[in-house]
């Protein structure tokens, strides 16, 4: 399987956006009762370009095609926050997400990782826990009523 994770450029923004929209909107298929949508700006090209410009944004490439992406924030002192990791649902179950997570562990000299994911996204919970993330809390997202589960992973 030919998978790579590479730094995203503005030229990648449209392909990243397509994969991101498909990934987040697929939640409505996976989890009955969940409305179509995603985090603020998930369907905005302008927002994608801002992430590429300001954050550690990566494209996940499979067989030469952008199929997903990753956004990481440095929080200082070896603490990194995995803001987004998404994969076009057509490519789920192929080990591509696993390779992306391994990339992060090899690329960042992290003391601690944090992330959050919706309570309803049970598939995500299992995925993150497989990589050593532990649930450390939950919080209601202001203005939306969405419950987010906070995860953390400390590197030994």
N, C-alpha and C. Protein backbone atom coordinates (compact mmCIF):
# COMPACT_ATOMS: atom_id res chain seq x y z
N UNK A 1 0.85 -1.18 0.00
CA UNK A 1 0.00 0.00 0.00
C UNK A 1 0.89 1.23 0.00
N UNK A 2 0.64 2.13 -0.94
CA UNK A 2 1.46 3.32 -1.10
C UNK A 2 0.79 4.51 -0.43
N UNK A 3 1.14 4.75 0.86
CA UNK A 3 0.57 5.85 1.64
C UNK A 3 1.71 6.76 2.09
N UNK A 4 1.48 8.07 1.99
CA UNK A 4 2.44 9.01 2.54
C UNK A 4 1.68 10.14 3.23
N UNK A 5 2.36 10.79 4.16
CA UNK A 5 1.81 11.97 4.83
C UNK A 5 2.82 13.08 4.58
N UNK A 6 2.33 14.16 3.97
CA UNK A 6 3.21 15.24 3.54
C UNK A 6 2.62 16.58 3.96
N UNK A 7 3.48 17.56 4.13
CA UNK A 7 3.03 18.91 4.46
C UNK A 7 2.12 19.42 3.35
N UNK A 8 0.98 19.98 3.71
CA UNK A 8 0.03 20.50 2.72
C UNK A 8 0.47 21.88 2.24
N UNK A 9 0.13 22.18 1.00
CA UNK A 9 0.38 23.49 0.40
C UNK A 9 -0.97 24.08 -0.03
N UNK A 10 -1.01 25.37 -0.32
CA UNK A 10 -2.27 25.96 -0.78
C UNK A 10 -2.86 25.25 -2.01
N UNK A 11 -2.01 24.69 -2.85
CA UNK A 11 -2.48 23.96 -4.03
C UNK A 11 -3.26 22.70 -3.65
N UNK A 12 -3.08 22.21 -2.43
CA UNK A 12 -3.78 21.00 -1.96
C UNK A 12 -5.13 21.31 -1.33
N UNK A 13 -5.44 22.57 -1.13
CA UNK A 13 -6.60 22.96 -0.32
C UNK A 13 -7.92 22.40 -0.84
N UNK A 14 -8.16 22.46 -2.14
CA UNK A 14 -9.44 21.97 -2.66
C UNK A 14 -9.60 20.46 -2.47
N UNK A 15 -8.55 19.71 -2.71
CA UNK A 15 -8.62 18.25 -2.53
C UNK A 15 -8.77 17.90 -1.05
N UNK A 16 -8.07 18.63 -0.18
CA UNK A 16 -8.22 18.41 1.26
C UNK A 16 -9.65 18.73 1.70
N UNK A 17 -10.18 19.81 1.18
CA UNK A 17 -11.55 20.20 1.54
C UNK A 17 -12.55 19.14 1.12
N UNK A 18 -12.42 18.59 -0.08
CA UNK A 18 -13.33 17.52 -0.53
C UNK A 18 -13.29 16.33 0.42
N UNK A 19 -12.08 15.90 0.80
CA UNK A 19 -11.95 14.76 1.71
C UNK A 19 -12.53 15.08 3.08
N UNK A 20 -12.29 16.31 3.55
CA UNK A 20 -12.78 16.71 4.87
C UNK A 20 -14.31 16.75 4.90
N UNK A 21 -14.91 17.34 3.90
CA UNK A 21 -16.38 17.41 3.84
C UNK A 21 -16.97 16.00 3.80
N UNK A 22 -16.42 15.14 2.96
CA UNK A 22 -16.93 13.76 2.88
C UNK A 22 -16.78 13.05 4.22
N UNK A 23 -15.65 13.26 4.89
CA UNK A 23 -15.41 12.59 6.18
C UNK A 23 -16.41 13.06 7.23
N UNK A 24 -16.57 14.36 7.39
CA UNK A 24 -17.46 14.86 8.44
C UNK A 24 -18.92 14.61 8.11
N UNK A 25 -19.30 14.73 6.87
CA UNK A 25 -20.70 14.50 6.52
C UNK A 25 -21.07 13.03 6.59
N UNK A 26 -20.08 12.16 6.54
CA UNK A 26 -20.33 10.72 6.67
C UNK A 26 -20.81 10.36 8.09
N UNK A 27 -20.50 11.21 9.07
CA UNK A 27 -20.98 10.95 10.43
C UNK A 27 -22.50 10.81 10.47
N UNK A 28 -23.20 11.55 9.62
CA UNK A 28 -24.67 11.47 9.59
C UNK A 28 -25.13 10.11 9.07
N UNK A 29 -24.30 9.44 8.30
CA UNK A 29 -24.61 8.09 7.81
C UNK A 29 -24.28 7.07 8.90
N UNK A 30 -23.13 7.26 9.54
CA UNK A 30 -22.63 6.31 10.55
C UNK A 30 -23.46 6.32 11.84
N UNK A 31 -23.93 7.49 12.22
CA UNK A 31 -24.59 7.67 13.51
C UNK A 31 -25.98 8.27 13.31
N UNK A 32 -27.00 7.40 13.27
CA UNK A 32 -28.37 7.90 13.07
C UNK A 32 -28.72 8.99 14.09
N UNK A 33 -29.38 10.02 13.60
CA UNK A 33 -29.76 11.13 14.46
C UNK A 33 -28.78 12.28 14.46
N UNK A 34 -27.58 12.06 13.92
CA UNK A 34 -26.58 13.12 13.82
C UNK A 34 -26.84 13.90 12.53
N UNK A 35 -26.90 15.21 12.66
CA UNK A 35 -27.14 16.05 11.49
C UNK A 35 -25.88 16.16 10.64
N UNK A 36 -26.08 16.38 9.35
CA UNK A 36 -24.96 16.58 8.43
C UNK A 36 -24.24 17.87 8.84
N UNK A 37 -22.93 17.79 8.93
CA UNK A 37 -22.14 18.96 9.30
C UNK A 37 -20.79 18.55 9.85
N UNK A 38 -20.14 19.50 10.48
CA UNK A 38 -18.83 19.25 11.04
C UNK A 38 -18.41 20.45 11.87
N UNK A 39 -17.15 20.48 12.28
CA UNK A 39 -16.67 21.62 13.07
C UNK A 39 -16.76 22.91 12.27
N UNK A 40 -16.77 24.04 12.95
CA UNK A 40 -16.85 25.32 12.24
C UNK A 40 -15.79 25.43 11.14
N UNK A 41 -16.24 25.80 9.95
CA UNK A 41 -15.33 25.97 8.83
C UNK A 41 -14.97 24.70 8.09
N UNK A 42 -15.58 23.57 8.46
CA UNK A 42 -15.20 22.30 7.84
C UNK A 42 -15.44 22.28 6.33
N UNK A 43 -16.36 23.12 5.86
CA UNK A 43 -16.71 23.14 4.43
C UNK A 43 -16.29 24.44 3.74
N UNK A 44 -15.32 25.14 4.33
CA UNK A 44 -14.88 26.44 3.82
C UNK A 44 -13.46 26.37 3.26
N UNK A 45 -13.33 26.73 1.99
CA UNK A 45 -12.00 26.77 1.37
C UNK A 45 -11.12 27.81 2.07
N UNK A 46 -11.70 28.92 2.43
CA UNK A 46 -10.95 29.98 3.13
C UNK A 46 -10.38 29.45 4.45
N UNK A 47 -11.20 28.72 5.18
CA UNK A 47 -10.76 28.14 6.45
C UNK A 47 -9.62 27.13 6.22
N UNK A 48 -9.74 26.32 5.17
CA UNK A 48 -8.69 25.34 4.85
C UNK A 48 -7.39 26.06 4.52
N UNK A 49 -7.46 27.12 3.73
CA UNK A 49 -6.26 27.87 3.38
C UNK A 49 -5.62 28.50 4.62
N UNK A 50 -6.43 28.95 5.56
CA UNK A 50 -5.91 29.52 6.82
C UNK A 50 -5.18 28.44 7.61
N UNK A 51 -5.75 27.23 7.68
CA UNK A 51 -5.09 26.14 8.41
C UNK A 51 -3.73 25.82 7.77
N UNK A 52 -3.71 25.75 6.45
CA UNK A 52 -2.46 25.45 5.75
C UNK A 52 -1.42 26.53 6.04
N UNK A 53 -1.86 27.77 6.08
CA UNK A 53 -0.94 28.89 6.31
C UNK A 53 -0.44 28.95 7.75
N UNK A 54 -1.34 28.69 8.72
CA UNK A 54 -1.03 28.98 10.13
C UNK A 54 -0.73 27.77 11.01
N UNK A 55 -1.11 26.58 10.60
CA UNK A 55 -0.97 25.40 11.46
C UNK A 55 -0.13 24.34 10.76
N UNK A 56 0.22 23.30 11.51
CA UNK A 56 0.89 22.15 10.91
C UNK A 56 -0.20 21.32 10.23
N UNK A 57 -0.34 21.51 8.92
CA UNK A 57 -1.39 20.85 8.16
C UNK A 57 -0.74 19.89 7.17
N UNK A 58 -1.25 18.66 7.17
CA UNK A 58 -0.70 17.60 6.33
C UNK A 58 -1.78 17.01 5.44
N UNK A 59 -1.34 16.50 4.30
CA UNK A 59 -2.23 15.74 3.43
C UNK A 59 -1.84 14.26 3.56
N UNK A 60 -2.86 13.42 3.56
CA UNK A 60 -2.66 11.98 3.55
C UNK A 60 -2.88 11.54 2.10
N UNK A 61 -1.85 10.95 1.51
CA UNK A 61 -1.87 10.60 0.10
C UNK A 61 -1.84 9.08 -0.05
N UNK A 62 -2.80 8.56 -0.81
CA UNK A 62 -2.88 7.13 -1.10
C UNK A 62 -2.87 6.95 -2.61
N UNK A 63 -1.91 6.19 -3.10
CA UNK A 63 -1.79 5.94 -4.54
C UNK A 63 -1.83 7.25 -5.34
N UNK A 64 -1.16 8.27 -4.82
CA UNK A 64 -1.04 9.54 -5.52
C UNK A 64 -2.21 10.49 -5.37
N UNK A 65 -3.24 10.10 -4.61
CA UNK A 65 -4.44 10.93 -4.44
C UNK A 65 -4.57 11.37 -2.99
N UNK A 66 -4.95 12.63 -2.78
CA UNK A 66 -5.20 13.14 -1.42
C UNK A 66 -6.50 12.54 -0.93
N UNK A 67 -6.42 11.76 0.17
CA UNK A 67 -7.60 11.07 0.69
C UNK A 67 -7.95 11.52 2.11
N UNK A 68 -7.12 12.38 2.69
CA UNK A 68 -7.39 12.84 4.05
C UNK A 68 -6.40 13.89 4.47
N UNK A 69 -6.54 14.30 5.72
CA UNK A 69 -5.66 15.34 6.22
C UNK A 69 -5.51 15.31 7.73
N UNK A 70 -4.55 16.08 8.20
CA UNK A 70 -4.23 16.18 9.63
C UNK A 70 -3.91 17.65 9.92
N UNK A 71 -4.39 18.14 11.06
CA UNK A 71 -4.02 19.48 11.52
C UNK A 71 -3.56 19.35 12.97
N UNK A 72 -2.36 19.87 13.26
CA UNK A 72 -1.75 19.80 14.59
C UNK A 72 -1.42 21.21 15.06
N UNK A 73 -1.68 21.48 16.35
CA UNK A 73 -1.29 22.74 16.98
C UNK A 73 -0.21 22.44 18.00
N UNK A 74 0.87 23.20 17.99
CA UNK A 74 1.85 23.14 19.07
C UNK A 74 1.36 24.02 20.21
N UNK A 75 1.36 23.48 21.44
CA UNK A 75 0.89 24.25 22.59
C UNK A 75 2.03 24.61 23.54
N UNK A 76 3.26 24.26 23.15
CA UNK A 76 4.43 24.58 23.97
C UNK A 76 4.83 23.47 24.90
N UNK A 77 6.09 23.43 25.26
CA UNK A 77 6.65 22.46 26.21
C UNK A 77 6.36 21.01 25.82
N UNK A 78 6.42 20.71 24.53
CA UNK A 78 6.22 19.33 24.08
C UNK A 78 4.78 18.88 24.05
N UNK A 79 3.84 19.80 24.23
CA UNK A 79 2.40 19.47 24.19
C UNK A 79 1.88 19.81 22.80
N UNK A 80 1.28 18.82 22.14
CA UNK A 80 0.67 19.01 20.83
C UNK A 80 -0.80 18.63 20.90
N UNK A 81 -1.60 19.36 20.13
CA UNK A 81 -3.04 19.07 20.07
C UNK A 81 -3.37 18.62 18.65
N UNK A 82 -3.94 17.43 18.55
CA UNK A 82 -4.40 16.91 17.27
C UNK A 82 -5.77 17.52 17.01
N UNK A 83 -5.78 18.61 16.26
CA UNK A 83 -7.01 19.35 16.02
C UNK A 83 -7.94 18.57 15.09
N UNK A 84 -7.39 18.04 14.01
CA UNK A 84 -8.18 17.28 13.05
C UNK A 84 -7.38 16.14 12.47
N UNK A 85 -8.03 15.02 12.30
CA UNK A 85 -7.52 13.95 11.45
C UNK A 85 -8.76 13.39 10.77
N UNK A 86 -8.74 13.35 9.46
CA UNK A 86 -9.91 12.90 8.72
C UNK A 86 -9.47 12.13 7.49
N UNK A 87 -10.36 11.23 7.08
CA UNK A 87 -10.09 10.37 5.95
C UNK A 87 -11.39 10.20 5.17
N UNK A 88 -11.33 10.38 3.87
CA UNK A 88 -12.49 10.14 3.02
C UNK A 88 -13.03 8.75 3.37
N UNK A 89 -14.33 8.61 3.65
CA UNK A 89 -14.87 7.32 4.08
C UNK A 89 -14.65 6.19 3.09
N UNK A 90 -14.43 6.51 1.84
CA UNK A 90 -14.15 5.46 0.85
C UNK A 90 -12.88 4.68 1.20
N UNK A 91 -12.01 5.28 2.03
CA UNK A 91 -10.71 4.69 2.35
C UNK A 91 -10.64 4.19 3.80
N UNK A 92 -11.76 4.15 4.48
CA UNK A 92 -11.78 3.62 5.86
C UNK A 92 -11.47 2.11 5.83
N UNK A 93 -10.89 1.65 6.92
CA UNK A 93 -10.66 0.22 7.09
C UNK A 93 -9.49 -0.34 6.31
N UNK A 94 -8.65 0.52 5.77
CA UNK A 94 -7.52 0.07 4.96
C UNK A 94 -6.18 0.23 5.68
N UNK A 95 -6.20 0.74 6.91
CA UNK A 95 -4.96 0.95 7.65
C UNK A 95 -4.32 2.31 7.38
N UNK A 96 -4.96 3.15 6.58
CA UNK A 96 -4.40 4.45 6.23
C UNK A 96 -4.37 5.37 7.46
N UNK A 97 -5.45 5.37 8.24
CA UNK A 97 -5.50 6.18 9.46
C UNK A 97 -4.43 5.75 10.45
N UNK A 98 -4.23 4.45 10.54
CA UNK A 98 -3.18 3.93 11.43
C UNK A 98 -1.82 4.44 11.00
N UNK A 99 -1.54 4.42 9.71
CA UNK A 99 -0.26 4.93 9.22
C UNK A 99 -0.11 6.42 9.52
N UNK A 100 -1.21 7.16 9.43
CA UNK A 100 -1.16 8.60 9.74
C UNK A 100 -0.83 8.83 11.21
N UNK A 101 -1.42 8.04 12.10
CA UNK A 101 -1.12 8.18 13.52
C UNK A 101 0.33 7.81 13.83
N UNK A 102 0.84 6.80 13.19
CA UNK A 102 2.25 6.41 13.36
C UNK A 102 3.15 7.55 12.87
N UNK A 103 2.78 8.18 11.76
CA UNK A 103 3.52 9.34 11.25
C UNK A 103 3.63 10.42 12.32
N UNK A 104 2.52 10.73 12.99
CA UNK A 104 2.53 11.77 14.01
C UNK A 104 3.50 11.42 15.14
N UNK A 105 3.44 10.18 15.61
CA UNK A 105 4.32 9.77 16.70
C UNK A 105 5.80 9.85 16.30
N UNK A 106 6.08 9.55 15.04
CA UNK A 106 7.47 9.59 14.57
C UNK A 106 7.95 11.00 14.26
N UNK A 107 7.02 11.89 13.92
CA UNK A 107 7.38 13.23 13.47
C UNK A 107 7.54 14.22 14.62
N UNK A 108 6.71 14.06 15.64
CA UNK A 108 6.71 15.03 16.74
C UNK A 108 7.37 14.43 17.97
N UNK A 109 8.22 15.23 18.59
CA UNK A 109 8.84 14.85 19.86
C UNK A 109 7.92 15.33 20.98
N UNK A 110 6.79 14.65 21.10
CA UNK A 110 5.73 15.09 22.01
C UNK A 110 5.90 14.48 23.40
N UNK A 111 5.66 15.30 24.39
CA UNK A 111 5.56 14.84 25.77
C UNK A 111 4.11 14.48 26.05
N UNK A 112 3.21 15.27 25.44
CA UNK A 112 1.78 15.04 25.63
C UNK A 112 1.03 15.40 24.36
N UNK A 113 0.04 14.55 24.03
CA UNK A 113 -0.91 14.82 22.96
C UNK A 113 -2.28 15.00 23.57
N UNK A 114 -3.07 15.91 22.99
CA UNK A 114 -4.47 16.05 23.37
C UNK A 114 -5.31 16.10 22.10
N UNK A 115 -6.59 15.77 22.24
CA UNK A 115 -7.55 15.88 21.15
C UNK A 115 -8.94 15.81 21.75
N UNK A 116 -9.93 16.19 20.96
CA UNK A 116 -11.30 15.96 21.38
C UNK A 116 -12.11 15.46 20.19
N UNK A 117 -13.16 14.74 20.51
CA UNK A 117 -14.00 14.13 19.49
C UNK A 117 -15.43 14.03 20.03
N UNK A 118 -16.42 14.08 19.17
CA UNK A 118 -17.80 14.04 19.65
C UNK A 118 -18.13 12.76 20.42
N UNK A 119 -18.98 12.91 21.41
CA UNK A 119 -19.44 11.77 22.21
C UNK A 119 -20.05 10.69 21.33
N UNK A 120 -20.83 11.10 20.33
CA UNK A 120 -21.52 10.12 19.47
C UNK A 120 -20.56 9.32 18.58
N UNK A 121 -19.35 9.82 18.34
CA UNK A 121 -18.42 9.21 17.38
C UNK A 121 -17.66 8.05 17.99
N UNK A 122 -18.38 6.99 18.31
CA UNK A 122 -17.82 5.84 19.01
C UNK A 122 -16.66 5.21 18.23
N UNK A 123 -16.77 5.20 16.92
CA UNK A 123 -15.68 4.64 16.11
C UNK A 123 -14.38 5.39 16.35
N UNK A 124 -14.46 6.72 16.48
CA UNK A 124 -13.27 7.52 16.78
C UNK A 124 -12.69 7.15 18.14
N UNK A 125 -13.55 6.94 19.13
CA UNK A 125 -13.08 6.60 20.49
C UNK A 125 -12.20 5.36 20.42
N UNK A 126 -12.68 4.33 19.75
CA UNK A 126 -11.92 3.08 19.65
C UNK A 126 -10.59 3.31 18.93
N UNK A 127 -10.63 4.12 17.87
CA UNK A 127 -9.43 4.40 17.10
C UNK A 127 -8.37 5.08 17.96
N UNK A 128 -8.74 6.14 18.67
CA UNK A 128 -7.78 6.87 19.49
C UNK A 128 -7.28 6.02 20.66
N UNK A 129 -8.17 5.27 21.28
CA UNK A 129 -7.77 4.43 22.41
C UNK A 129 -6.76 3.36 21.97
N UNK A 130 -6.88 2.89 20.74
CA UNK A 130 -5.94 1.92 20.19
C UNK A 130 -4.51 2.47 20.20
N UNK A 131 -4.38 3.79 20.13
CA UNK A 131 -3.06 4.43 20.11
C UNK A 131 -2.64 4.99 21.46
N UNK A 132 -3.33 4.58 22.51
CA UNK A 132 -2.91 4.95 23.86
C UNK A 132 -3.55 6.20 24.42
N UNK A 133 -4.51 6.78 23.71
CA UNK A 133 -5.21 7.96 24.24
C UNK A 133 -6.20 7.50 25.31
N UNK A 134 -6.31 8.32 26.35
CA UNK A 134 -7.17 8.02 27.49
C UNK A 134 -8.18 9.16 27.66
N UNK A 135 -9.43 8.80 27.88
CA UNK A 135 -10.46 9.81 28.11
C UNK A 135 -10.16 10.53 29.41
N UNK A 136 -10.14 11.88 29.35
CA UNK A 136 -9.84 12.67 30.54
C UNK A 136 -10.97 13.63 30.91
N UNK A 137 -12.01 13.65 30.10
CA UNK A 137 -13.14 14.52 30.44
C UNK A 137 -14.10 14.67 29.29
N UNK A 138 -15.16 15.42 29.56
CA UNK A 138 -16.09 15.77 28.50
C UNK A 138 -16.64 17.16 28.78
N UNK A 139 -17.00 17.84 27.70
CA UNK A 139 -17.44 19.21 27.82
C UNK A 139 -18.45 19.50 26.72
N UNK A 140 -19.44 20.31 27.06
CA UNK A 140 -20.42 20.72 26.06
C UNK A 140 -19.85 21.89 25.28
N UNK A 141 -19.86 21.78 23.95
CA UNK A 141 -19.38 22.84 23.08
C UNK A 141 -20.36 24.01 23.15
N UNK A 142 -19.82 25.17 23.42
CA UNK A 142 -20.64 26.36 23.61
C UNK A 142 -21.50 26.66 22.38
N UNK A 143 -22.78 26.84 22.61
CA UNK A 143 -23.69 27.25 21.55
C UNK A 143 -24.24 26.15 20.68
N UNK A 144 -23.67 24.93 20.78
CA UNK A 144 -24.13 23.85 19.91
C UNK A 144 -24.80 22.71 20.66
N UNK A 145 -24.47 22.57 21.93
CA UNK A 145 -24.99 21.44 22.70
C UNK A 145 -24.23 20.15 22.44
N UNK A 146 -23.27 20.18 21.54
CA UNK A 146 -22.48 19.00 21.21
C UNK A 146 -21.57 18.66 22.39
N UNK A 147 -21.58 17.40 22.80
CA UNK A 147 -20.69 16.93 23.87
C UNK A 147 -19.40 16.41 23.22
N UNK A 148 -18.27 16.96 23.65
CA UNK A 148 -16.97 16.54 23.17
C UNK A 148 -16.24 15.77 24.26
N UNK A 149 -15.64 14.67 23.88
CA UNK A 149 -14.82 13.87 24.78
C UNK A 149 -13.38 14.33 24.61
N UNK A 150 -12.73 14.66 25.72
CA UNK A 150 -11.32 15.06 25.70
C UNK A 150 -10.45 13.83 25.93
N UNK A 151 -9.44 13.67 25.09
CA UNK A 151 -8.48 12.58 25.20
C UNK A 151 -7.09 13.15 25.38
N UNK A 152 -6.25 12.35 26.03
CA UNK A 152 -4.87 12.75 26.28
C UNK A 152 -3.98 11.51 26.17
N UNK A 153 -2.77 11.73 25.71
CA UNK A 153 -1.78 10.66 25.68
C UNK A 153 -0.45 11.26 26.09
N UNK A 154 0.16 10.69 27.12
CA UNK A 154 1.47 11.12 27.57
C UNK A 154 2.51 10.17 27.04
N UNK A 155 3.61 10.71 26.56
CA UNK A 155 4.70 9.89 26.04
C UNK A 155 5.66 9.58 27.19
N UNK A 156 6.04 8.37 27.29
CA UNK A 156 6.96 7.96 28.36
C UNK A 156 8.39 8.26 27.99
